[in-house]
Structure formats: structure tokens, C-alpha cells
Amino acid sequence: MSARISTILILGATRGIGEALAHHFHTISKKVIITGHERDEGKMQLLADELPGRASIRTAFAGASEARAATALFVTTSSLAYFPVPVYPGYCAAKAGLASFVKILRMQARALELEKDERRKRDEEAEKVGGMRIIEVVPPYVDIALNAEHRAQTDALQGGEEKAVQPMALGEYVDGFFEGFEEEEEEIAVGFAKKGVEVWKRGFGELRRCSGME
């Protein structure tokens, strides 16, 4: 996939997985558009300085509307979107909603692409959105600062460190991500997260196809 893509928009690139992917994409000479919360404006500027000539700053999702063909939109959900646990009810629900949103957005983009093929003089917005690759990034439990802040509590809720599921190293995850990226998967899932996506596709994905939505 990387040979055909020149621009990468990453939502939430100021820390953790998003930051690691932004740096990796930059090393393979991609233009990286980074986004983050207003409170992260300083970190975003720092990233732009670290990735000279390759990074652009966008502080609102509206910037994605500038994307055209040969651009990929990556949205990070979580393995917990497919495998909810009682420990993090709000987080699981939010990620499940985001996973659904990504799938719906992808279907809408495909519909616009079909309409564009049938009526090439369609309005400007269809020309912008159709052709964009919308990819869901589904990480497992990864060793990043966000998780480290609550690791002791997470381990305790699972019966202690010896029984608790331990996080995947960030470097190992990034390597797994780029394997899926090159294979052009629409859901790039690694480790346990990949199992969750596969179960979803066998069940709900099949129901969606039977309904005629795909």
C-alpha cells in the first residue's frame, strides 16, 4: 500500500501509538498530517519540528476534507471495541461506537465513489471524499504512557500482576501494524485485537453482506 500513498492523516498523533506511527511514516518519506487536542498544541509543534518538510498541522477534523485520492485516513479504536470488559465500561463503549462510525464512513465513501463513476460531474464534495482509504487501526493492550499510569490498578482488577494480561511492546506493535498496512487490510489489527476483528467479520460482517449493505 505504501507505494501508492503519499499523504497520511493521523487523528491523535501527539503521543503513544499515533506518535510512533507518525515517526515511522516519516521515515519512509510520507507526508504526515498530525492532529491533536488544543491542549497538545505545543507537542504538535514539536512534532512538526522533528519531521521537517513532511508534517502539517491540523487542529480540527475538518482538515480531513482536504484529502483527495491516494490519501489514507487512519482511525484508532481498540481491541476493547470488539471485546468489552467490565473494568472500563465507558472506554469500551466509546471505542465500540468509533469502530461502528469508521465502518459507516467507509460505506458512505464507497457509495460516493460509485456515484462519481456514474456521474463524473457530481458536486465537489463527492470528488474530495470518494477514493479516500478509511482504515481502522485496532491495537491490543500496548505498553504506552497512557496505560502505564493505570497499570497497577489494571493488574489488581485482574487478580494481580501474575494473572494480569501484560501489554505488547510498542515497537512490536508498530512492526505488526506495518505488516497489515502493506497487506492493504481495512482493519489493521495486531495480536489479540486481530482475533476480535476476525470474529466480528465472521458474524456481523456476514449479516451486513446478507442485508445488501455491502
N, C-alpha and C. Protein backbone atom coordinates (compact mmCIF):
# COMPACT_ATOMS: atom_id res chain seq x y z
N MET A 1 0.82 -1.21 0.00
CA MET A 1 0.00 0.00 0.00
C MET A 1 0.85 1.26 0.00
N SER A 2 1.98 1.24 0.68
CA SER A 2 2.76 2.45 0.89
C SER A 2 3.21 3.09 -0.41
N ALA A 3 3.44 2.29 -1.46
CA ALA A 3 3.91 2.83 -2.72
C ALA A 3 2.87 3.74 -3.37
N ARG A 4 1.58 3.54 -3.08
CA ARG A 4 0.52 4.30 -3.71
C ARG A 4 0.03 5.46 -2.86
N ILE A 5 0.53 5.59 -1.65
CA ILE A 5 0.03 6.62 -0.74
C ILE A 5 1.13 7.63 -0.45
N SER A 6 0.80 8.89 -0.60
CA SER A 6 1.81 9.93 -0.36
C SER A 6 1.51 10.74 0.89
N THR A 7 0.24 10.77 1.31
CA THR A 7 -0.16 11.60 2.45
C THR A 7 -0.90 10.76 3.47
N ILE A 8 -0.54 10.92 4.75
CA ILE A 8 -1.18 10.18 5.84
C ILE A 8 -1.74 11.18 6.84
N LEU A 9 -3.03 11.09 7.13
CA LEU A 9 -3.67 11.89 8.17
C LEU A 9 -3.87 11.01 9.39
N ILE A 10 -3.27 11.39 10.51
CA ILE A 10 -3.39 10.60 11.74
C ILE A 10 -4.12 11.45 12.79
N LEU A 11 -5.25 10.96 13.26
CA LEU A 11 -6.02 11.66 14.29
C LEU A 11 -5.47 11.26 15.66
N GLY A 12 -4.89 12.22 16.35
CA GLY A 12 -4.31 11.93 17.65
C GLY A 12 -2.89 11.43 17.52
N ALA A 13 -1.99 12.30 17.07
CA ALA A 13 -0.62 11.88 16.78
C ALA A 13 0.40 12.46 17.76
N THR A 14 -0.06 12.95 18.88
CA THR A 14 0.87 13.64 19.79
C THR A 14 1.46 12.76 20.86
N ARG A 15 1.04 11.50 20.91
CA ARG A 15 1.58 10.61 21.94
C ARG A 15 1.28 9.15 21.58
N GLY A 16 1.92 8.25 22.29
CA GLY A 16 1.62 6.83 22.18
C GLY A 16 1.71 6.27 20.77
N ILE A 17 0.71 5.48 20.40
CA ILE A 17 0.70 4.79 19.12
C ILE A 17 0.69 5.78 17.96
N GLY A 18 -0.15 6.80 18.04
CA GLY A 18 -0.23 7.78 16.96
C GLY A 18 1.10 8.45 16.68
N GLU A 19 1.80 8.82 17.74
CA GLU A 19 3.10 9.45 17.58
C GLU A 19 4.11 8.48 16.95
N ALA A 20 4.10 7.22 17.41
CA ALA A 20 5.04 6.23 16.87
C ALA A 20 4.79 6.00 15.38
N LEU A 21 3.52 5.94 14.98
CA LEU A 21 3.21 5.74 13.57
C LEU A 21 3.60 6.95 12.74
N ALA A 22 3.39 8.15 13.29
CA ALA A 22 3.77 9.37 12.57
C ALA A 22 5.27 9.37 12.27
N HIS A 23 6.07 9.00 13.25
CA HIS A 23 7.51 8.95 13.05
C HIS A 23 7.89 7.90 12.01
N HIS A 24 7.25 6.74 12.06
CA HIS A 24 7.58 5.67 11.12
C HIS A 24 7.20 6.05 9.70
N PHE A 25 6.02 6.63 9.52
CA PHE A 25 5.62 7.06 8.19
C PHE A 25 6.59 8.11 7.64
N HIS A 26 7.06 8.97 8.53
CA HIS A 26 8.01 9.99 8.08
C HIS A 26 9.31 9.35 7.60
N THR A 27 9.74 8.28 8.26
CA THR A 27 11.00 7.63 7.86
C THR A 27 10.90 6.99 6.48
N ILE A 28 9.67 6.70 6.01
CA ILE A 28 9.52 6.13 4.67
C ILE A 28 9.01 7.21 3.70
N SER A 29 9.32 8.48 4.03
CA SER A 29 9.12 9.62 3.13
C SER A 29 7.68 9.91 2.78
N LYS A 30 6.78 9.77 3.77
CA LYS A 30 5.39 10.15 3.57
C LYS A 30 5.12 11.53 4.17
N LYS A 31 4.18 12.23 3.56
CA LYS A 31 3.70 13.47 4.15
C LYS A 31 2.73 13.11 5.26
N VAL A 32 2.97 13.59 6.47
CA VAL A 32 2.17 13.21 7.63
C VAL A 32 1.40 14.43 8.13
N ILE A 33 0.08 14.31 8.16
CA ILE A 33 -0.77 15.35 8.74
C ILE A 33 -1.13 14.89 10.14
N ILE A 34 -0.74 15.66 11.14
CA ILE A 34 -0.96 15.25 12.52
C ILE A 34 -2.06 16.10 13.14
N THR A 35 -2.83 15.49 14.02
CA THR A 35 -3.91 16.19 14.72
C THR A 35 -3.81 15.91 16.21
N GLY A 36 -4.45 16.75 17.00
CA GLY A 36 -4.46 16.55 18.44
C GLY A 36 -5.38 17.56 19.10
N HIS A 37 -5.53 17.43 20.41
CA HIS A 37 -6.34 18.38 21.16
C HIS A 37 -5.63 19.72 21.25
N GLU A 38 -6.40 20.77 21.48
CA GLU A 38 -5.81 22.10 21.62
C GLU A 38 -4.76 22.14 22.73
N ARG A 39 -4.97 21.34 23.78
CA ARG A 39 -4.00 21.32 24.88
C ARG A 39 -2.66 20.74 24.46
N ASP A 40 -2.66 20.03 23.30
CA ASP A 40 -1.43 19.42 22.81
C ASP A 40 -0.76 20.27 21.74
N GLU A 41 -1.16 21.54 21.62
CA GLU A 41 -0.63 22.36 20.53
C GLU A 41 0.89 22.45 20.57
N GLY A 42 1.46 22.56 21.78
CA GLY A 42 2.91 22.62 21.89
C GLY A 42 3.57 21.36 21.40
N LYS A 43 2.99 20.19 21.75
CA LYS A 43 3.55 18.92 21.31
C LYS A 43 3.42 18.77 19.81
N MET A 44 2.33 19.26 19.25
CA MET A 44 2.15 19.17 17.81
C MET A 44 3.21 19.99 17.08
N GLN A 45 3.51 21.16 17.62
CA GLN A 45 4.54 21.99 17.00
C GLN A 45 5.91 21.31 17.11
N LEU A 46 6.15 20.66 18.24
CA LEU A 46 7.41 19.92 18.43
C LEU A 46 7.53 18.81 17.40
N LEU A 47 6.44 18.08 17.18
CA LEU A 47 6.46 17.02 16.18
C LEU A 47 6.72 17.58 14.79
N ALA A 48 6.11 18.71 14.48
CA ALA A 48 6.33 19.33 13.18
C ALA A 48 7.80 19.69 13.01
N ASP A 49 8.43 20.15 14.08
CA ASP A 49 9.84 20.49 14.02
C ASP A 49 10.71 19.25 13.85
N GLU A 50 10.27 18.13 14.45
CA GLU A 50 11.03 16.88 14.35
C GLU A 50 10.90 16.24 12.98
N LEU A 51 9.80 16.55 12.27
CA LEU A 51 9.55 15.97 10.96
C LEU A 51 9.58 17.07 9.90
N PRO A 52 10.71 17.74 9.71
CA PRO A 52 10.78 18.90 8.82
C PRO A 52 10.40 18.57 7.38
N GLY A 53 9.57 19.45 6.81
CA GLY A 53 9.20 19.30 5.43
C GLY A 53 8.18 18.21 5.16
N ARG A 54 7.81 17.48 6.19
CA ARG A 54 6.89 16.36 5.98
C ARG A 54 5.62 16.47 6.78
N ALA A 55 5.59 17.29 7.80
CA ALA A 55 4.43 17.33 8.69
C ALA A 55 3.64 18.61 8.51
N SER A 56 2.32 18.48 8.53
CA SER A 56 1.43 19.63 8.53
C SER A 56 0.60 19.58 9.79
N ILE A 57 0.18 20.74 10.28
CA ILE A 57 -0.61 20.79 11.49
C ILE A 57 -2.08 21.00 11.15
N ARG A 58 -2.93 20.18 11.77
CA ARG A 58 -4.38 20.37 11.67
C ARG A 58 -4.94 20.19 13.07
N THR A 59 -5.72 21.16 13.56
CA THR A 59 -6.27 21.05 14.91
C THR A 59 -7.74 20.72 14.91
N ALA A 60 -8.33 20.49 13.74
CA ALA A 60 -9.75 20.15 13.67
C ALA A 60 -9.95 19.06 12.63
N PHE A 61 -10.96 18.22 12.84
CA PHE A 61 -11.23 17.13 11.91
C PHE A 61 -11.58 17.65 10.53
N ALA A 62 -12.06 18.90 10.46
CA ALA A 62 -12.43 19.46 9.17
C ALA A 62 -11.28 19.44 8.19
N GLY A 63 -10.06 19.42 8.69
CA GLY A 63 -8.90 19.36 7.80
C GLY A 63 -8.89 18.13 6.95
N ALA A 64 -9.56 17.06 7.38
CA ALA A 64 -9.59 15.83 6.61
C ALA A 64 -10.32 16.02 5.29
N SER A 65 -11.19 17.03 5.22
CA SER A 65 -11.95 17.24 3.98
C SER A 65 -11.05 17.70 2.85
N GLU A 66 -9.81 18.10 3.16
CA GLU A 66 -8.88 18.50 2.12
C GLU A 66 -8.26 17.29 1.43
N ALA A 67 -8.44 16.10 2.03
CA ALA A 67 -7.80 14.90 1.50
C ALA A 67 -8.43 14.48 0.17
N ARG A 68 -7.60 13.98 -0.74
CA ARG A 68 -8.08 13.53 -2.04
C ARG A 68 -7.62 12.10 -2.27
N ALA A 69 -7.76 11.64 -3.52
CA ALA A 69 -7.36 10.28 -3.84
C ALA A 69 -5.92 10.05 -3.44
N ALA A 70 -5.58 8.80 -3.13
CA ALA A 70 -4.24 8.39 -2.71
C ALA A 70 -3.92 8.88 -1.31
N THR A 71 -4.96 9.18 -0.53
CA THR A 71 -4.77 9.57 0.87
C THR A 71 -5.49 8.57 1.75
N ALA A 72 -4.88 8.23 2.88
CA ALA A 72 -5.48 7.26 3.81
C ALA A 72 -5.83 7.95 5.11
N LEU A 73 -7.02 7.65 5.63
CA LEU A 73 -7.45 8.14 6.93
C LEU A 73 -7.40 6.98 7.91
N PHE A 74 -6.55 7.07 8.91
CA PHE A 74 -6.42 6.04 9.93
C PHE A 74 -7.12 6.50 11.20
N VAL A 75 -8.02 5.69 11.73
CA VAL A 75 -8.72 6.00 12.97
C VAL A 75 -8.45 4.87 13.96
N THR A 76 -7.93 5.22 15.12
CA THR A 76 -7.56 4.21 16.10
C THR A 76 -8.72 3.90 17.03
N THR A 77 -9.12 2.63 17.05
CA THR A 77 -10.13 2.17 18.01
C THR A 77 -9.41 1.36 19.07
N SER A 78 -9.80 0.14 19.30
CA SER A 78 -9.16 -0.68 20.33
C SER A 78 -9.68 -2.11 20.24
N SER A 79 -8.90 -3.04 20.75
CA SER A 79 -9.40 -4.42 20.85
C SER A 79 -10.63 -4.46 21.75
N LEU A 80 -10.75 -3.49 22.67
CA LEU A 80 -11.89 -3.46 23.58
C LEU A 80 -13.18 -3.01 22.88
N ALA A 81 -13.07 -2.52 21.64
CA ALA A 81 -14.27 -2.24 20.85
C ALA A 81 -14.96 -3.54 20.46
N TYR A 82 -14.19 -4.64 20.38
CA TYR A 82 -14.69 -5.94 19.96
C TYR A 82 -14.80 -6.91 21.13
N PHE A 83 -14.13 -6.59 22.22
CA PHE A 83 -14.13 -7.47 23.38
C PHE A 83 -14.27 -6.61 24.64
N PRO A 84 -15.49 -6.13 24.94
CA PRO A 84 -15.68 -5.24 26.09
C PRO A 84 -15.44 -5.96 27.41
N VAL A 85 -14.88 -5.24 28.36
CA VAL A 85 -14.63 -5.78 29.69
C VAL A 85 -15.26 -4.85 30.73
N PRO A 86 -15.68 -5.38 31.87
CA PRO A 86 -16.36 -4.57 32.88
C PRO A 86 -15.45 -3.54 33.56
N VAL A 87 -14.14 -3.69 33.39
CA VAL A 87 -13.21 -2.78 34.06
C VAL A 87 -13.30 -1.36 33.51
N TYR A 88 -13.51 -1.24 32.18
CA TYR A 88 -13.55 0.09 31.54
C TYR A 88 -14.83 0.24 30.73
N PRO A 89 -15.98 0.38 31.36
CA PRO A 89 -17.24 0.43 30.62
C PRO A 89 -17.34 1.62 29.66
N GLY A 90 -16.96 2.80 30.12
CA GLY A 90 -17.06 3.98 29.26
C GLY A 90 -16.12 3.90 28.08
N TYR A 91 -14.89 3.48 28.32
CA TYR A 91 -13.89 3.38 27.26
C TYR A 91 -14.33 2.36 26.21
N CYS A 92 -14.79 1.20 26.66
CA CYS A 92 -15.24 0.16 25.73
C CYS A 92 -16.39 0.66 24.86
N ALA A 93 -17.35 1.33 25.47
CA ALA A 93 -18.50 1.83 24.72
C ALA A 93 -18.08 2.88 23.70
N ALA A 94 -17.17 3.78 24.10
CA ALA A 94 -16.72 4.83 23.19
C ALA A 94 -15.97 4.24 21.99
N LYS A 95 -15.10 3.27 22.24
CA LYS A 95 -14.34 2.67 21.16
C LYS A 95 -15.23 1.82 20.25
N ALA A 96 -16.24 1.17 20.82
CA ALA A 96 -17.18 0.40 20.00
C ALA A 96 -17.96 1.33 19.08
N GLY A 97 -18.35 2.49 19.60
CA GLY A 97 -19.05 3.47 18.78
C GLY A 97 -18.17 4.00 17.67
N LEU A 98 -16.90 4.24 17.98
CA LEU A 98 -15.97 4.73 16.98
C LEU A 98 -15.73 3.69 15.89
N ALA A 99 -15.63 2.42 16.29
CA ALA A 99 -15.45 1.34 15.31
C ALA A 99 -16.64 1.29 14.35
N SER A 100 -17.85 1.45 14.88
CA SER A 100 -19.04 1.46 14.03
C SER A 100 -19.03 2.66 13.09
N PHE A 101 -18.62 3.82 13.62
CA PHE A 101 -18.56 5.04 12.82
C PHE A 101 -17.60 4.86 11.64
N VAL A 102 -16.45 4.24 11.88
CA VAL A 102 -15.47 4.03 10.80
C VAL A 102 -16.06 3.17 9.70
N LYS A 103 -16.76 2.11 10.08
CA LYS A 103 -17.35 1.21 9.09
C LYS A 103 -18.43 1.93 8.27
N ILE A 104 -19.22 2.75 8.94
CA ILE A 104 -20.27 3.51 8.24
C ILE A 104 -19.64 4.54 7.32
N LEU A 105 -18.62 5.23 7.78
CA LEU A 105 -17.93 6.23 6.97
C LEU A 105 -17.33 5.58 5.72
N ARG A 106 -16.80 4.39 5.89
CA ARG A 106 -16.21 3.67 4.75
C ARG A 106 -17.29 3.31 3.73
N MET A 107 -18.46 2.87 4.21
CA MET A 107 -19.56 2.53 3.29
C MET A 107 -20.05 3.77 2.55
N GLN A 108 -20.10 4.90 3.25
CA GLN A 108 -20.53 6.13 2.60
C GLN A 108 -19.53 6.56 1.53
N ALA A 109 -18.24 6.42 1.84
CA ALA A 109 -17.22 6.79 0.87
C ALA A 109 -17.31 5.91 -0.38
N ARG A 110 -17.58 4.62 -0.17
CA ARG A 110 -17.73 3.71 -1.31
C ARG A 110 -18.94 4.09 -2.16
N ALA A 111 -20.03 4.47 -1.49
CA ALA A 111 -21.23 4.87 -2.22
C ALA A 111 -20.96 6.11 -3.06
N LEU A 112 -20.22 7.06 -2.48
CA LEU A 112 -19.88 8.27 -3.22
C LEU A 112 -19.00 7.94 -4.42
N GLU A 113 -18.10 6.99 -4.23
CA GLU A 113 -17.23 6.59 -5.33
C GLU A 113 -18.03 5.99 -6.48
N LEU A 114 -19.04 5.17 -6.15
CA LEU A 114 -19.89 4.58 -7.18
C LEU A 114 -20.67 5.66 -7.92
N GLU A 115 -21.20 6.62 -7.14
CA GLU A 115 -21.95 7.71 -7.76
C GLU A 115 -21.05 8.55 -8.65
N LYS A 116 -19.81 8.72 -8.22
CA LYS A 116 -18.87 9.51 -9.01
C LYS A 116 -18.58 8.83 -10.34
N ASP A 117 -18.48 7.51 -10.32
CA ASP A 117 -18.24 6.77 -11.55
C ASP A 117 -19.41 6.92 -12.51
N GLU A 118 -20.64 6.95 -11.95
CA GLU A 118 -21.83 7.05 -12.79
C GLU A 118 -22.06 8.48 -13.26
N ARG A 119 -21.76 9.43 -12.41
CA ARG A 119 -21.96 10.84 -12.77
C ARG A 119 -20.70 11.61 -12.42
N ARG A 120 -19.79 11.71 -13.34
CA ARG A 120 -18.48 12.30 -13.06
C ARG A 120 -18.53 13.78 -12.73
N LYS A 121 -19.64 14.41 -13.01
CA LYS A 121 -19.74 15.83 -12.72
C LYS A 121 -20.47 16.08 -11.40
N ARG A 122 -20.39 15.11 -10.52
CA ARG A 122 -21.04 15.25 -9.21
C ARG A 122 -20.44 16.43 -8.45
N ASP A 123 -21.08 16.87 -7.38
CA ASP A 123 -20.62 18.03 -6.64
C ASP A 123 -19.20 17.84 -6.11
N GLU A 124 -18.55 18.93 -5.76
CA GLU A 124 -17.14 18.94 -5.36
C GLU A 124 -16.87 18.05 -4.16
N GLU A 125 -17.81 17.98 -3.21
CA GLU A 125 -17.56 17.21 -2.01
C GLU A 125 -17.39 15.73 -2.30
N ALA A 126 -18.15 15.22 -3.26
CA ALA A 126 -18.01 13.81 -3.62
C ALA A 126 -16.64 13.56 -4.23
N GLU A 127 -16.14 14.53 -4.98
CA GLU A 127 -14.82 14.37 -5.58
C GLU A 127 -13.75 14.31 -4.51
N LYS A 128 -13.97 14.99 -3.41
CA LYS A 128 -12.97 15.01 -2.35
C LYS A 128 -12.97 13.73 -1.53
N VAL A 129 -14.17 13.22 -1.22
CA VAL A 129 -14.26 12.10 -0.28
C VAL A 129 -14.11 10.76 -0.97
N GLY A 130 -14.77 10.58 -2.12
CA GLY A 130 -14.67 9.31 -2.81
C GLY A 130 -13.22 8.99 -3.14
N GLY A 131 -12.78 7.78 -2.91
CA GLY A 131 -11.41 7.42 -3.20
C GLY A 131 -10.50 7.48 -2.00
N MET A 132 -10.93 8.10 -0.93
CA MET A 132 -10.13 8.10 0.30
C MET A 132 -10.18 6.71 0.94
N ARG A 133 -9.03 6.20 1.33
CA ARG A 133 -8.99 4.94 2.06
C ARG A 133 -9.22 5.23 3.54
N ILE A 134 -10.21 4.56 4.12
CA ILE A 134 -10.55 4.75 5.53
C ILE A 134 -10.20 3.47 6.26
N ILE A 135 -9.20 3.53 7.10
CA ILE A 135 -8.63 2.33 7.71
C ILE A 135 -8.77 2.40 9.22
N GLU A 136 -9.31 1.36 9.80
CA GLU A 136 -9.43 1.28 11.25
C GLU A 136 -8.19 0.62 11.83
N VAL A 137 -7.55 1.29 12.75
CA VAL A 137 -6.38 0.76 13.45
C VAL A 137 -6.87 0.18 14.77
N VAL A 138 -6.67 -1.12 14.96
CA VAL A 138 -7.22 -1.80 16.14
C VAL A 138 -6.06 -2.38 16.96
N PRO A 139 -5.52 -1.61 17.88
CA PRO A 139 -4.40 -2.13 18.68
C PRO A 139 -4.88 -2.98 19.84
N PRO A 140 -4.02 -3.89 20.29
CA PRO A 140 -4.31 -4.63 21.52
C PRO A 140 -3.87 -3.77 22.70
N TYR A 141 -3.68 -4.36 23.83
CA TYR A 141 -3.16 -3.69 25.02
C TYR A 141 -1.67 -3.43 24.76
N VAL A 142 -1.29 -2.16 24.58
CA VAL A 142 0.08 -1.80 24.20
C VAL A 142 0.74 -1.01 25.32
N ASP A 143 2.02 -1.20 25.47
CA ASP A 143 2.78 -0.54 26.53
C ASP A 143 3.09 0.90 26.14
N ILE A 144 2.18 1.82 26.50
CA ILE A 144 2.36 3.24 26.26
C ILE A 144 2.10 3.99 27.57
N ALA A 145 2.44 5.27 27.58
CA ALA A 145 2.33 6.06 28.81
C ALA A 145 0.92 6.09 29.36
N LEU A 146 -0.08 6.15 28.47
CA LEU A 146 -1.47 6.20 28.91
C LEU A 146 -1.82 4.99 29.76
N ASN A 147 -1.37 3.81 29.33
CA ASN A 147 -1.65 2.59 30.08
C ASN A 147 -0.79 2.48 31.34
N ALA A 148 0.44 2.97 31.24
CA ALA A 148 1.36 2.86 32.38
C ALA A 148 0.83 3.59 33.61
N GLU A 149 0.10 4.68 33.39
CA GLU A 149 -0.42 5.48 34.50
C GLU A 149 -1.40 4.68 35.36
N HIS A 150 -2.05 3.67 34.76
CA HIS A 150 -3.08 2.91 35.47
C HIS A 150 -2.76 1.42 35.55
N ARG A 151 -1.50 1.06 35.28
CA ARG A 151 -1.18 -0.36 35.18
C ARG A 151 -1.39 -1.11 36.49
N ALA A 152 -0.99 -0.51 37.59
CA ALA A 152 -1.14 -1.18 38.88
C ALA A 152 -2.62 -1.47 39.16
N GLN A 153 -3.47 -0.49 38.86
CA GLN A 153 -4.91 -0.67 39.07
C GLN A 153 -5.46 -1.74 38.13
N THR A 154 -5.02 -1.72 36.87
CA THR A 154 -5.48 -2.70 35.90
C THR A 154 -5.07 -4.11 36.31
N ASP A 155 -3.82 -4.25 36.76
CA ASP A 155 -3.35 -5.56 37.21
C ASP A 155 -4.15 -6.05 38.41
N ALA A 156 -4.43 -5.14 39.34
CA ALA A 156 -5.17 -5.52 40.54
C ALA A 156 -6.58 -6.01 40.20
N LEU A 157 -7.21 -5.35 39.23
CA LEU A 157 -8.56 -5.74 38.84
C LEU A 157 -8.59 -7.10 38.15
N GLN A 158 -7.43 -7.54 37.66
CA GLN A 158 -7.34 -8.85 37.01
C GLN A 158 -6.78 -9.93 37.94
N GLY A 159 -6.66 -9.58 39.21
CA GLY A 159 -6.20 -10.57 40.18
C GLY A 159 -4.73 -10.51 40.50
N GLY A 160 -4.08 -9.40 40.12
CA GLY A 160 -2.66 -9.24 40.42
C GLY A 160 -1.79 -9.36 39.19
N GLU A 161 -0.56 -8.89 39.31
CA GLU A 161 0.35 -8.84 38.17
C GLU A 161 0.59 -10.21 37.54
N GLU A 162 0.67 -11.26 38.35
CA GLU A 162 0.96 -12.59 37.81
C GLU A 162 -0.16 -13.12 36.93
N LYS A 163 -1.41 -12.73 37.22
CA LYS A 163 -2.55 -13.20 36.44
C LYS A 163 -2.94 -12.23 35.33
N ALA A 164 -2.54 -11.00 35.45
CA ALA A 164 -2.99 -9.96 34.52
C ALA A 164 -2.35 -10.11 33.13
N VAL A 165 -3.12 -9.74 32.11
CA VAL A 165 -2.60 -9.68 30.75
C VAL A 165 -1.60 -8.54 30.67
N GLN A 166 -0.41 -8.82 30.16
CA GLN A 166 0.62 -7.81 30.07
C GLN A 166 0.63 -7.16 28.69
N PRO A 167 0.98 -5.88 28.62
CA PRO A 167 0.90 -5.16 27.34
C PRO A 167 1.97 -5.58 26.34
N MET A 168 1.66 -5.40 25.07
CA MET A 168 2.61 -5.63 23.99
C MET A 168 3.56 -4.44 23.90
N ALA A 169 4.82 -4.69 23.65
CA ALA A 169 5.79 -3.61 23.49
C ALA A 169 5.42 -2.74 22.29
N LEU A 170 5.61 -1.43 22.43
CA LEU A 170 5.21 -0.50 21.37
C LEU A 170 5.92 -0.83 20.05
N GLY A 171 7.21 -1.12 20.12
CA GLY A 171 7.94 -1.46 18.90
C GLY A 171 7.40 -2.68 18.20
N GLU A 172 7.05 -3.71 18.98
CA GLU A 172 6.47 -4.92 18.42
C GLU A 172 5.14 -4.62 17.75
N TYR A 173 4.34 -3.74 18.39
CA TYR A 173 3.06 -3.38 17.80
C TYR A 173 3.25 -2.64 16.48
N VAL A 174 4.16 -1.68 16.45
CA VAL A 174 4.39 -0.91 15.22
C VAL A 174 4.81 -1.83 14.08
N ASP A 175 5.67 -2.80 14.37
CA ASP A 175 6.08 -3.77 13.34
C ASP A 175 4.87 -4.54 12.81
N GLY A 176 4.00 -4.98 13.73
CA GLY A 176 2.80 -5.70 13.32
C GLY A 176 1.85 -4.82 12.52
N PHE A 177 1.76 -3.56 12.91
CA PHE A 177 0.90 -2.63 12.18
C PHE A 177 1.34 -2.51 10.73
N PHE A 178 2.63 -2.34 10.49
CA PHE A 178 3.08 -2.13 9.12
C PHE A 178 3.01 -3.39 8.28
N GLU A 179 2.98 -4.55 8.90
CA GLU A 179 2.71 -5.77 8.15
C GLU A 179 1.30 -5.72 7.59
N GLY A 180 0.33 -5.34 8.43
CA GLY A 180 -1.05 -5.21 7.98
C GLY A 180 -1.22 -4.08 6.98
N PHE A 181 -0.48 -3.02 7.17
CA PHE A 181 -0.54 -1.86 6.27
C PHE A 181 -0.14 -2.26 4.86
N GLU A 182 0.94 -3.00 4.73
CA GLU A 182 1.41 -3.41 3.41
C GLU A 182 0.49 -4.44 2.77
N GLU A 183 -0.25 -5.18 3.58
CA GLU A 183 -1.20 -6.15 3.05
C GLU A 183 -2.53 -5.52 2.67
N GLU A 184 -2.65 -4.18 2.88
CA GLU A 184 -3.82 -3.40 2.49
C GLU A 184 -5.09 -3.84 3.21
N GLU A 185 -4.98 -4.14 4.47
CA GLU A 185 -6.14 -4.51 5.26
C GLU A 185 -6.94 -3.26 5.65
N GLU A 186 -8.27 -3.39 5.67
CA GLU A 186 -9.11 -2.26 6.05
C GLU A 186 -9.16 -2.09 7.57
N GLU A 187 -9.02 -3.18 8.28
CA GLU A 187 -8.86 -3.14 9.73
C GLU A 187 -7.48 -3.68 10.05
N ILE A 188 -6.58 -2.83 10.47
CA ILE A 188 -5.22 -3.26 10.79
C ILE A 188 -5.18 -3.60 12.27
N ALA A 189 -5.29 -4.88 12.55
CA ALA A 189 -5.34 -5.35 13.93
C ALA A 189 -4.15 -6.26 14.19
N VAL A 190 -3.63 -6.19 15.41
CA VAL A 190 -2.43 -6.95 15.78
C VAL A 190 -2.72 -7.73 17.05
N GLY A 191 -2.16 -8.94 17.13
CA GLY A 191 -2.29 -9.75 18.33
C GLY A 191 -3.72 -10.11 18.66
N PHE A 192 -4.09 -9.94 19.92
CA PHE A 192 -5.43 -10.30 20.38
C PHE A 192 -6.49 -9.51 19.63
N ALA A 193 -6.19 -8.27 19.26
CA ALA A 193 -7.16 -7.44 18.55
C ALA A 193 -7.56 -8.06 17.22
N LYS A 194 -6.62 -8.74 16.57
CA LYS A 194 -6.91 -9.35 15.28
C LYS A 194 -7.96 -10.44 15.43
N LYS A 195 -7.92 -11.17 16.54
CA LYS A 195 -8.91 -12.21 16.77
C LYS A 195 -10.30 -11.59 16.90
N GLY A 196 -10.41 -10.47 17.60
CA GLY A 196 -11.69 -9.79 17.76
C GLY A 196 -12.27 -9.34 16.43
N VAL A 197 -11.42 -8.76 15.56
CA VAL A 197 -11.89 -8.31 14.25
C VAL A 197 -12.34 -9.50 13.41
N GLU A 198 -11.59 -10.59 13.46
CA GLU A 198 -11.96 -11.78 12.67
C GLU A 198 -13.31 -12.34 13.11
N VAL A 199 -13.56 -12.37 14.41
CA VAL A 199 -14.85 -12.85 14.92
C VAL A 199 -15.97 -11.94 14.44
N TRP A 200 -15.74 -10.63 14.48
CA TRP A 200 -16.76 -9.66 14.02
C TRP A 200 -17.08 -9.90 12.54
N LYS A 201 -16.06 -10.09 11.73
CA LYS A 201 -16.27 -10.27 10.30
C LYS A 201 -17.06 -11.55 10.01
N ARG A 202 -16.78 -12.60 10.76
CA ARG A 202 -17.49 -13.86 10.54
C ARG A 202 -18.96 -13.76 10.94
N GLY A 203 -19.25 -12.90 11.93
CA GLY A 203 -20.60 -12.77 12.42
C GLY A 203 -21.34 -11.57 11.84
N PHE A 204 -21.07 -10.39 12.39
CA PHE A 204 -21.78 -9.19 11.97
C PHE A 204 -21.46 -8.81 10.53
N GLY A 205 -20.21 -9.03 10.12
CA GLY A 205 -19.87 -8.71 8.74
C GLY A 205 -20.69 -9.49 7.74
N GLU A 206 -20.91 -10.77 8.03
CA GLU A 206 -21.72 -11.61 7.17
C GLU A 206 -23.18 -11.15 7.16
N LEU A 207 -23.70 -10.77 8.31
CA LEU A 207 -25.07 -10.25 8.38
C LEU A 207 -25.22 -8.99 7.55
N ARG A 208 -24.21 -8.14 7.58
CA ARG A 208 -24.27 -6.90 6.80
C ARG A 208 -24.27 -7.18 5.31
N ARG A 209 -23.46 -8.15 4.90
CA ARG A 209 -23.45 -8.51 3.47
C ARG A 209 -24.79 -9.11 3.03
N CYS A 210 -25.37 -9.94 3.90
CA CYS A 210 -26.67 -10.56 3.58
C CYS A 210 -27.76 -9.51 3.45
N SER A 211 -27.64 -8.41 4.17
CA SER A 211 -28.65 -7.36 4.12
C SER A 211 -28.53 -6.51 2.87
N GLY A 212 -27.44 -6.71 2.11
CA GLY A 212 -27.26 -5.92 0.88
C GLY A 212 -26.54 -4.62 1.10
N MET A 213 -26.03 -4.40 2.31
CA MET A 213 -25.35 -3.14 2.59
C MET A 213 -23.93 -3.11 2.04
N GLU A 214 -23.41 -4.26 1.65
CA GLU A 214 -22.08 -4.32 1.05
C GLU A 214 -22.13 -5.16 -0.21
